[in-house]
Amino acid sequence: MTNSKDKVAGAAIRYLRKKAGRTLKESAEHCNHTSSWLSDIESGRRALDFNDARELCKFYNCTLSDLSDTFDIYDSIDFIDIKSVIK
């Protein structure tokens, strides 16, 4: 079961993916998963585990600290506003 933190984490990982210029498909394949797996994470329907977060950060050429900072920013704003930020 997911919660609002999963939605914020998903929005943060989506932001970093787009910032890195990576597609959903290539990002998921890098972690040996399907596009639907990453789509579920980015939409908050699935939790992101530490190992996958680390692999995605390496692929996006950022650090776990960057992910954490992005998470903190998104967590501090109303989630409804996030969709307009990450399009």
PDB file of N, CA and C in Angstrom:
ATOM      1  N   MET A   1       0.840  -1.181   0.000  1.00  0.00           N
ATOM      2  CA  MET A   1       0.000   0.000   0.000  1.00  0.00           C
ATOM      3  C   MET A   1       0.886   1.246   0.000  1.00  0.00           C
ATOM      4  N   THR A   2       0.515   2.205  -0.822  1.00  0.00           N
ATOM      5  CA  THR A   2       1.310   3.420  -0.913  1.00  0.00           C
ATOM      6  C   THR A   2       0.644   4.542  -0.133  1.00  0.00           C
ATOM      7  N   ASN A   3       1.409   5.607   0.082  1.00  0.00           N
ATOM      8  CA  ASN A   3       0.890   6.755   0.823  1.00  0.00           C
ATOM      9  C   ASN A   3       1.340   8.044   0.156  1.00  0.00           C
ATOM     10  N   SER A   4       1.070   9.164   0.794  1.00  0.00           N
ATOM     11  CA  SER A   4       1.417  10.449   0.189  1.00  0.00           C
ATOM     12  C   SER A   4       2.928  10.615   0.020  1.00  0.00           C
ATOM     13  N   LYS A   5       3.720   9.995   0.880  1.00  0.00           N
ATOM     14  CA  LYS A   5       5.181  10.068   0.737  1.00  0.00           C
ATOM     15  C   LYS A   5       5.626   9.363  -0.549  1.00  0.00           C
ATOM     16  N   ASP A   6       4.932   8.277  -0.918  1.00  0.00           N
ATOM     17  CA  ASP A   6       5.253   7.591  -2.176  1.00  0.00           C
ATOM     18  C   ASP A   6       4.955   8.497  -3.363  1.00  0.00           C
ATOM     19  N   LYS A   7       3.886   9.273  -3.272  1.00  0.00           N
ATOM     20  CA  LYS A   7       3.553  10.206  -4.353  1.00  0.00           C
ATOM     21  C   LYS A   7       4.615  11.285  -4.471  1.00  0.00           C
ATOM     22  N   VAL A   8       5.080  11.777  -3.351  1.00  0.00           N
ATOM     23  CA  VAL A   8       6.112  12.815  -3.372  1.00  0.00           C
ATOM     24  C   VAL A   8       7.425  12.235  -3.895  1.00  0.00           C
ATOM     25  N   ALA A   9       7.789  11.037  -3.439  1.00  0.00           N
ATOM     26  CA  ALA A   9       9.011  10.390  -3.933  1.00  0.00           C
ATOM     27  C   ALA A   9       8.916  10.139  -5.429  1.00  0.00           C
ATOM     28  N   GLY A  10       7.746   9.720  -5.881  1.00  0.00           N
ATOM     29  CA  GLY A  10       7.538   9.485  -7.313  1.00  0.00           C
ATOM     30  C   GLY A  10       7.680  10.764  -8.119  1.00  0.00           C
ATOM     31  N   ALA A  11       7.116  11.848  -7.607  1.00  0.00           N
ATOM     32  CA  ALA A  11       7.238  13.133  -8.298  1.00  0.00           C
ATOM     33  C   ALA A  11       8.693  13.580  -8.343  1.00  0.00           C
ATOM     34  N   ALA A  12       9.417  13.338  -7.265  1.00  0.00           N
ATOM     35  CA  ALA A  12      10.833  13.727  -7.216  1.00  0.00           C
ATOM     36  C   ALA A  12      11.652  12.924  -8.212  1.00  0.00           C
ATOM     37  N   ILE A  13      11.408  11.618  -8.300  1.00  0.00           N
ATOM     38  CA  ILE A  13      12.188  10.790  -9.231  1.00  0.00           C
ATOM     39  C   ILE A  13      11.822  11.123 -10.677  1.00  0.00           C
ATOM     40  N   ARG A  14      10.553  11.469 -10.905  1.00  0.00           N
ATOM     41  CA  ARG A  14      10.145  11.883 -12.255  1.00  0.00           C
ATOM     42  C   ARG A  14      10.835  13.184 -12.639  1.00  0.00           C
ATOM     43  N   TYR A  15      10.895  14.133 -11.713  1.00  0.00           N
ATOM     44  CA  TYR A  15      11.577  15.400 -11.973  1.00  0.00           C
ATOM     45  C   TYR A  15      13.042  15.156 -12.341  1.00  0.00           C
ATOM     46  N   LEU A  16      13.723  14.315 -11.572  1.00  0.00           N
ATOM     47  CA  LEU A  16      15.137  14.037 -11.848  1.00  0.00           C
ATOM     48  C   LEU A  16      15.311  13.321 -13.182  1.00  0.00           C
ATOM     49  N   ARG A  17      14.376  12.427 -13.520  1.00  0.00           N
ATOM     50  CA  ARG A  17      14.454  11.732 -14.817  1.00  0.00           C
ATOM     51  C   ARG A  17      14.330  12.731 -15.955  1.00  0.00           C
ATOM     52  N   LYS A  18      13.345  13.605 -15.872  1.00  0.00           N
ATOM     53  CA  LYS A  18      13.147  14.594 -16.930  1.00  0.00           C
ATOM     54  C   LYS A  18      14.324  15.569 -17.003  1.00  0.00           C
ATOM     55  N   LYS A  19      14.840  15.950 -15.857  1.00  0.00           N
ATOM     56  CA  LYS A  19      15.995  16.848 -15.815  1.00  0.00           C
ATOM     57  C   LYS A  19      17.202  16.207 -16.502  1.00  0.00           C
ATOM     58  N   ALA A  20      17.335  14.882 -16.342  1.00  0.00           N
ATOM     59  CA  ALA A  20      18.449  14.155 -16.953  1.00  0.00           C
ATOM     60  C   ALA A  20      18.203  13.867 -18.433  1.00  0.00           C
ATOM     61  N   GLY A  21      16.998  14.127 -18.914  1.00  0.00           N
ATOM     62  CA  GLY A  21      16.684  13.873 -20.326  1.00  0.00           C
ATOM     63  C   GLY A  21      16.497  12.398 -20.642  1.00  0.00           C
ATOM     64  N   ARG A  22      16.110  11.626 -19.655  1.00  0.00           N
ATOM     65  CA  ARG A  22      15.930  10.178 -19.832  1.00  0.00           C
ATOM     66  C   ARG A  22      14.455   9.839 -20.030  1.00  0.00           C
ATOM     67  N   THR A  23      14.203   8.774 -20.780  1.00  0.00           N
ATOM     68  CA  THR A  23      12.835   8.323 -20.989  1.00  0.00           C
ATOM     69  C   THR A  23      12.446   7.335 -19.891  1.00  0.00           C
ATOM     70  N   LEU A  24      11.153   7.149 -19.775  1.00  0.00           N
ATOM     71  CA  LEU A  24      10.631   6.178 -18.827  1.00  0.00           C
ATOM     72  C   LEU A  24      11.169   4.788 -19.163  1.00  0.00           C
ATOM     73  N   LYS A  25      11.127   4.436 -20.438  1.00  0.00           N
ATOM     74  CA  LYS A  25      11.554   3.097 -20.881  1.00  0.00           C
ATOM     75  C   LYS A  25      13.028   2.845 -20.589  1.00  0.00           C
ATOM     76  N   GLU A  26      13.894   3.755 -20.978  1.00  0.00           N
ATOM     77  CA  GLU A  26      15.326   3.510 -20.774  1.00  0.00           C
ATOM     78  C   GLU A  26      15.690   3.524 -19.287  1.00  0.00           C
ATOM     79  N   SER A  27      14.994   4.328 -18.511  1.00  0.00           N
ATOM     80  CA  SER A  27      15.252   4.371 -17.075  1.00  0.00           C
ATOM     81  C   SER A  27      14.844   3.063 -16.412  1.00  0.00           C
ATOM     82  N   ALA A  28      13.675   2.559 -16.770  1.00  0.00           N
ATOM     83  CA  ALA A  28      13.200   1.296 -16.205  1.00  0.00           C
ATOM     84  C   ALA A  28      14.106   0.145 -16.628  1.00  0.00           C
ATOM     85  N   GLU A  29      14.489   0.127 -17.886  1.00  0.00           N
ATOM     86  CA  GLU A  29      15.360  -0.944 -18.383  1.00  0.00           C
ATOM     87  C   GLU A  29      16.716  -0.928 -17.692  1.00  0.00           C
ATOM     88  N   HIS A  30      17.202   0.250 -17.335  1.00  0.00           N
ATOM     89  CA  HIS A  30      18.470   0.348 -16.614  1.00  0.00           C
ATOM     90  C   HIS A  30      18.405  -0.418 -15.289  1.00  0.00           C
ATOM     91  N   CYS A  31      17.223  -0.443 -14.682  1.00  0.00           N
ATOM     92  CA  CYS A  31      17.025  -1.139 -13.408  1.00  0.00           C
ATOM     93  C   CYS A  31      16.441  -2.538 -13.597  1.00  0.00           C
ATOM     94  N   ASN A  32      16.422  -3.013 -14.854  1.00  0.00           N
ATOM     95  CA  ASN A  32      15.869  -4.338 -15.176  1.00  0.00           C
ATOM     96  C   ASN A  32      14.396  -4.471 -14.795  1.00  0.00           C
ATOM     97  N   HIS A  33      13.644  -3.406 -15.064  1.00  0.00           N
ATOM     98  CA  HIS A  33      12.207  -3.396 -14.812  1.00  0.00           C
ATOM     99  C   HIS A  33      11.490  -2.926 -16.074  1.00  0.00           C
ATOM    100  N   THR A  34      10.169  -2.946 -16.012  1.00  0.00           N
ATOM    101  CA  THR A  34       9.353  -2.486 -17.132  1.00  0.00           C
ATOM    102  C   THR A  34       9.006  -1.010 -16.970  1.00  0.00           C
ATOM    103  N   SER A  35       8.551  -0.423 -18.068  1.00  0.00           N
ATOM    104  CA  SER A  35       8.106   0.969 -18.014  1.00  0.00           C
ATOM    105  C   SER A  35       6.942   1.142 -17.047  1.00  0.00           C
ATOM    106  N   SER A  36       6.063   0.150 -16.986  1.00  0.00           N
ATOM    107  CA  SER A  36       4.911   0.268 -16.088  1.00  0.00           C
ATOM    108  C   SER A  36       5.355   0.286 -14.628  1.00  0.00           C
ATOM    109  N   TRP A  37       6.441  -0.414 -14.308  1.00  0.00           N
ATOM    110  CA  TRP A  37       6.995  -0.383 -12.952  1.00  0.00           C
ATOM    111  C   TRP A  37       7.380   1.044 -12.568  1.00  0.00           C
ATOM    112  N   LEU A  38       8.141   1.715 -13.450  1.00  0.00           N
ATOM    113  CA  LEU A  38       8.578   3.077 -13.144  1.00  0.00           C
ATOM    114  C   LEU A  38       7.408   4.047 -13.190  1.00  0.00           C
ATOM    115  N   SER A  39       6.482   3.838 -14.088  1.00  0.00           N
ATOM    116  CA  SER A  39       5.289   4.674 -14.145  1.00  0.00           C
ATOM    117  C   SER A  39       4.515   4.590 -12.828  1.00  0.00           C
ATOM    118  N   ASP A  40       4.407   3.382 -12.291  1.00  0.00           N
ATOM    119  CA  ASP A  40       3.724   3.199 -10.998  1.00  0.00           C
ATOM    120  C   ASP A  40       4.450   3.940  -9.884  1.00  0.00           C
ATOM    121  N   ILE A  41       5.768   3.932  -9.915  1.00  0.00           N
ATOM    122  CA  ILE A  41       6.543   4.660  -8.899  1.00  0.00           C
ATOM    123  C   ILE A  41       6.323   6.162  -9.053  1.00  0.00           C
ATOM    124  N   GLU A  42       6.447   6.648 -10.276  1.00  0.00           N
ATOM    125  CA  GLU A  42       6.326   8.088 -10.505  1.00  0.00           C
ATOM    126  C   GLU A  42       4.934   8.615 -10.182  1.00  0.00           C
ATOM    127  N   SER A  43       3.925   7.767 -10.290  1.00  0.00           N
ATOM    128  CA  SER A  43       2.556   8.198  -9.987  1.00  0.00           C
ATOM    129  C   SER A  43       2.176   7.940  -8.532  1.00  0.00           C
ATOM    130  N   GLY A  44       3.087   7.319  -7.766  1.00  0.00           N
ATOM    131  CA  GLY A  44       2.831   7.068  -6.358  1.00  0.00           C
ATOM    132  C   GLY A  44       2.048   5.802  -6.074  1.00  0.00           C
ATOM    133  N   ARG A  45       1.864   4.947  -7.097  1.00  0.00           N
ATOM    134  CA  ARG A  45       1.142   3.685  -6.892  1.00  0.00           C
ATOM    135  C   ARG A  45       2.048   2.577  -6.357  1.00  0.00           C
ATOM    136  N   ARG A  46       3.349   2.796  -6.404  1.00  0.00           N
ATOM    137  CA  ARG A  46       4.324   1.807  -5.929  1.00  0.00           C
ATOM    138  C   ARG A  46       5.426   2.554  -5.191  1.00  0.00           C
ATOM    139  N   ALA A  47       5.913   1.965  -4.130  1.00  0.00           N
ATOM    140  CA  ALA A  47       7.008   2.573  -3.370  1.00  0.00           C
ATOM    141  C   ALA A  47       8.339   2.342  -4.078  1.00  0.00           C
ATOM    142  N   LEU A  48       9.239   3.285  -3.951  1.00  0.00           N
ATOM    143  CA  LEU A  48      10.586   3.194  -4.508  1.00  0.00           C
ATOM    144  C   LEU A  48      11.520   2.672  -3.440  1.00  0.00           C
ATOM    145  N   ASP A  49      12.185   1.541  -3.709  1.00  0.00           N
ATOM    146  CA  ASP A  49      13.103   1.021  -2.693  1.00  0.00           C
ATOM    147  C   ASP A  49      14.492   1.636  -2.858  1.00  0.00           C
ATOM    148  N   PHE A  50      15.304   1.485  -1.835  1.00  0.00           N
ATOM    149  CA  PHE A  50      16.611   2.140  -1.781  1.00  0.00           C
ATOM    150  C   PHE A  50      17.518   1.737  -2.939  1.00  0.00           C
ATOM    151  N   ASN A  51      17.606   0.454  -3.237  1.00  0.00           N
ATOM    152  CA  ASN A  51      18.515   0.001  -4.299  1.00  0.00           C
ATOM    153  C   ASN A  51      18.122   0.567  -5.656  1.00  0.00           C
ATOM    154  N   ASP A  52      16.829   0.582  -5.949  1.00  0.00           N
ATOM    155  CA  ASP A  52      16.379   1.151  -7.216  1.00  0.00           C
ATOM    156  C   ASP A  52      16.589   2.657  -7.239  1.00  0.00           C
ATOM    157  N   ALA A  53      16.370   3.326  -6.115  1.00  0.00           N
ATOM    158  CA  ALA A  53      16.617   4.771  -6.041  1.00  0.00           C
ATOM    159  C   ALA A  53      18.084   5.066  -6.329  1.00  0.00           C
ATOM    160  N   ARG A  54      18.964   4.270  -5.745  1.00  0.00           N
ATOM    161  CA  ARG A  54      20.405   4.456  -5.966  1.00  0.00           C
ATOM    162  C   ARG A  54      20.769   4.249  -7.440  1.00  0.00           C
ATOM    163  N   GLU A  55      20.225   3.208  -8.060  1.00  0.00           N
ATOM    164  CA  GLU A  55      20.516   2.931  -9.469  1.00  0.00           C
ATOM    165  C   GLU A  55      19.981   4.035 -10.377  1.00  0.00           C
ATOM    166  N   LEU A  56      18.771   4.500 -10.098  1.00  0.00           N
ATOM    167  CA  LEU A  56      18.206   5.573 -10.915  1.00  0.00           C
ATOM    168  C   LEU A  56      19.010   6.853 -10.747  1.00  0.00           C
ATOM    169  N   CYS A  57      19.421   7.157  -9.543  1.00  0.00           N
ATOM    170  CA  CYS A  57      20.239   8.349  -9.339  1.00  0.00           C
ATOM    171  C   CYS A  57      21.549   8.266 -10.107  1.00  0.00           C
ATOM    172  N   LYS A  58      22.188   7.113 -10.091  1.00  0.00           N
ATOM    173  CA  LYS A  58      23.428   6.953 -10.869  1.00  0.00           C
ATOM    174  C   LYS A  58      23.145   7.173 -12.349  1.00  0.00           C
ATOM    175  N   PHE A  59      22.042   6.611 -12.839  1.00  0.00           N
ATOM    176  CA  PHE A  59      21.669   6.734 -14.245  1.00  0.00           C
ATOM    177  C   PHE A  59      21.343   8.185 -14.607  1.00  0.00           C
ATOM    178  N   TYR A  60      20.790   8.924 -13.655  1.00  0.00           N
ATOM    179  CA  TYR A  60      20.440  10.322 -13.885  1.00  0.00           C
ATOM    180  C   TYR A  60      21.595  11.269 -13.563  1.00  0.00           C
ATOM    181  N   ASN A  61      22.741  10.689 -13.209  1.00  0.00           N
ATOM    182  CA  ASN A  61      23.936  11.468 -12.890  1.00  0.00           C
ATOM    183  C   ASN A  61      23.676  12.456 -11.747  1.00  0.00           C
ATOM    184  N   CYS A  62      23.020  11.935 -10.715  1.00  0.00           N
ATOM    185  CA  CYS A  62      22.786  12.736  -9.517  1.00  0.00           C
ATOM    186  C   CYS A  62      23.017  11.842  -8.300  1.00  0.00           C
ATOM    187  N   THR A  63      22.915  12.410  -7.145  1.00  0.00           N
ATOM    188  CA  THR A  63      23.170  11.662  -5.909  1.00  0.00           C
ATOM    189  C   THR A  63      21.858  11.387  -5.175  1.00  0.00           C
ATOM    190  N   LEU A  64      21.937  10.489  -4.209  1.00  0.00           N
ATOM    191  CA  LEU A  64      20.778  10.265  -3.351  1.00  0.00           C
ATOM    192  C   LEU A  64      20.446  11.533  -2.570  1.00  0.00           C
ATOM    193  N   SER A  65      21.449  12.329  -2.288  1.00  0.00           N
ATOM    194  CA  SER A  65      21.224  13.607  -1.626  1.00  0.00           C
ATOM    195  C   SER A  65      20.396  14.538  -2.514  1.00  0.00           C
ATOM    196  N   ASP A  66      20.660  14.526  -3.821  1.00  0.00           N
ATOM    197  CA  ASP A  66      19.851  15.314  -4.755  1.00  0.00           C
ATOM    198  C   ASP A  66      18.395  14.848  -4.726  1.00  0.00           C
ATOM    199  N   LEU A  67      18.202  13.537  -4.692  1.00  0.00           N
ATOM    200  CA  LEU A  67      16.852  12.989  -4.609  1.00  0.00           C
ATOM    201  C   LEU A  67      16.184  13.428  -3.314  1.00  0.00           C
ATOM    202  N   SER A  68      16.912  13.347  -2.215  1.00  0.00           N
ATOM    203  CA  SER A  68      16.379  13.751  -0.921  1.00  0.00           C
ATOM    204  C   SER A  68      16.015  15.237  -0.905  1.00  0.00           C
ATOM    205  N   ASP A  69      16.873  16.068  -1.479  1.00  0.00           N
ATOM    206  CA  ASP A  69      16.590  17.504  -1.537  1.00  0.00           C
ATOM    207  C   ASP A  69      15.346  17.778  -2.374  1.00  0.00           C
ATOM    208  N   THR A  70      15.212  17.085  -3.504  1.00  0.00           N
ATOM    209  CA  THR A  70      14.044  17.251  -4.361  1.00  0.00           C
ATOM    210  C   THR A  70      12.791  16.778  -3.634  1.00  0.00           C
ATOM    211  N   PHE A  71      12.914  15.655  -2.932  1.00  0.00           N
ATOM    212  CA  PHE A  71      11.801  15.130  -2.134  1.00  0.00           C
ATOM    213  C   PHE A  71      11.363  16.172  -1.107  1.00  0.00           C
ATOM    214  N   ASP A  72      12.319  16.763  -0.408  1.00  0.00           N
ATOM    215  CA  ASP A  72      12.001  17.762   0.622  1.00  0.00           C
ATOM    216  C   ASP A  72      11.273  18.965   0.027  1.00  0.00           C
ATOM    217  N   ILE A  73      11.698  19.399  -1.151  1.00  0.00           N
ATOM    218  CA  ILE A  73      11.038  20.536  -1.807  1.00  0.00           C
ATOM    219  C   ILE A  73       9.593  20.179  -2.132  1.00  0.00           C
ATOM    220  N   TYR A  74       9.396  19.003  -2.757  1.00  0.00           N
ATOM    221  CA  TYR A  74       8.037  18.596  -3.121  1.00  0.00           C
ATOM    222  C   TYR A  74       7.180  18.322  -1.894  1.00  0.00           C
ATOM    223  N   ASP A  75       7.786  17.807  -0.858  1.00  0.00           N
ATOM    224  CA  ASP A  75       7.032  17.497   0.354  1.00  0.00           C
ATOM    225  C   ASP A  75       6.551  18.772   1.049  1.00  0.00           C
ATOM    226  N   SER A  76       7.237  19.881   0.799  1.00  0.00           N
ATOM    227  CA  SER A  76       6.876  21.125   1.472  1.00  0.00           C
ATOM    228  C   SER A  76       5.790  21.909   0.733  1.00  0.00           C
ATOM    229  N   ILE A  77       5.440  21.485  -0.491  1.00  0.00           N
ATOM    230  CA  ILE A  77       4.379  22.178  -1.235  1.00  0.00           C
ATOM    231  C   ILE A  77       3.166  21.280  -1.352  1.00  0.00           C
ATOM    232  N   ASP A  78       2.069  21.863  -1.689  1.00  0.00           N
ATOM    233  CA  ASP A  78       0.829  21.117  -1.861  1.00  0.00           C
ATOM    234  C   ASP A  78       0.992  20.173  -3.049  1.00  0.00           C
ATOM    235  N   PHE A  79       0.638  18.903  -2.875  1.00  0.00           N
ATOM    236  CA  PHE A  79       0.847  17.918  -3.940  1.00  0.00           C
ATOM    237  C   PHE A  79       0.107  18.285  -5.216  1.00  0.00           C
ATOM    238  N   ILE A  80      -1.007  18.929  -5.114  1.00  0.00           N
ATOM    239  CA  ILE A  80      -1.758  19.318  -6.315  1.00  0.00           C
ATOM    240  C   ILE A  80      -0.916  20.238  -7.184  1.00  0.00           C
ATOM    241  N   ASP A  81      -0.077  21.068  -6.566  1.00  0.00           N
ATOM    242  CA  ASP A  81       0.773  21.967  -7.319  1.00  0.00           C
ATOM    243  C   ASP A  81       1.936  21.246  -7.986  1.00  0.00           C
ATOM    244  N   ILE A  82       2.297  20.064  -7.534  1.00  0.00           N
ATOM    245  CA  ILE A  82       3.439  19.339  -8.097  1.00  0.00           C
ATOM    246  C   ILE A  82       3.223  19.027  -9.565  1.00  0.00           C
ATOM    247  N   LYS A  83       2.013  18.621  -9.934  1.00  0.00           N
ATOM    248  CA  LYS A  83       1.757  18.249 -11.324  1.00  0.00           C
ATOM    249  C   LYS A  83       2.077  19.393 -12.284  1.00  0.00           C
ATOM    250  N   SER A  84       1.821  20.611 -11.886  1.00  0.00           N
ATOM    251  CA  SER A  84       2.131  21.732 -12.766  1.00  0.00           C
ATOM    252  C   SER A  84       3.629  21.991 -12.837  1.00  0.00           C
ATOM    253  N   VAL A  85       4.357  21.604 -11.816  1.00  0.00           N
ATOM    254  CA  VAL A  85       5.801  21.825 -11.776  1.00  0.00           C
ATOM    255  C   VAL A  85       6.545  20.817 -12.645  1.00  0.00           C
ATOM    256  N   ILE A  86       6.087  19.575 -12.705  1.00  0.00           N
ATOM    257  CA  ILE A  86       6.879  18.531 -13.354  1.00  0.00           C
ATOM    258  C   ILE A  86       6.440  18.195 -14.774  1.00  0.00           C
ATOM    259  N   LYS A  87       5.493  18.878 -15.331  1.00  0.00           N
ATOM    260  CA  LYS A  87       5.055  18.580 -16.706  1.00  0.00           C
ATOM    261  C   LYS A  87       6.105  18.927 -17.709  1.00  0.00           C
TER     262      LYS A  87
END
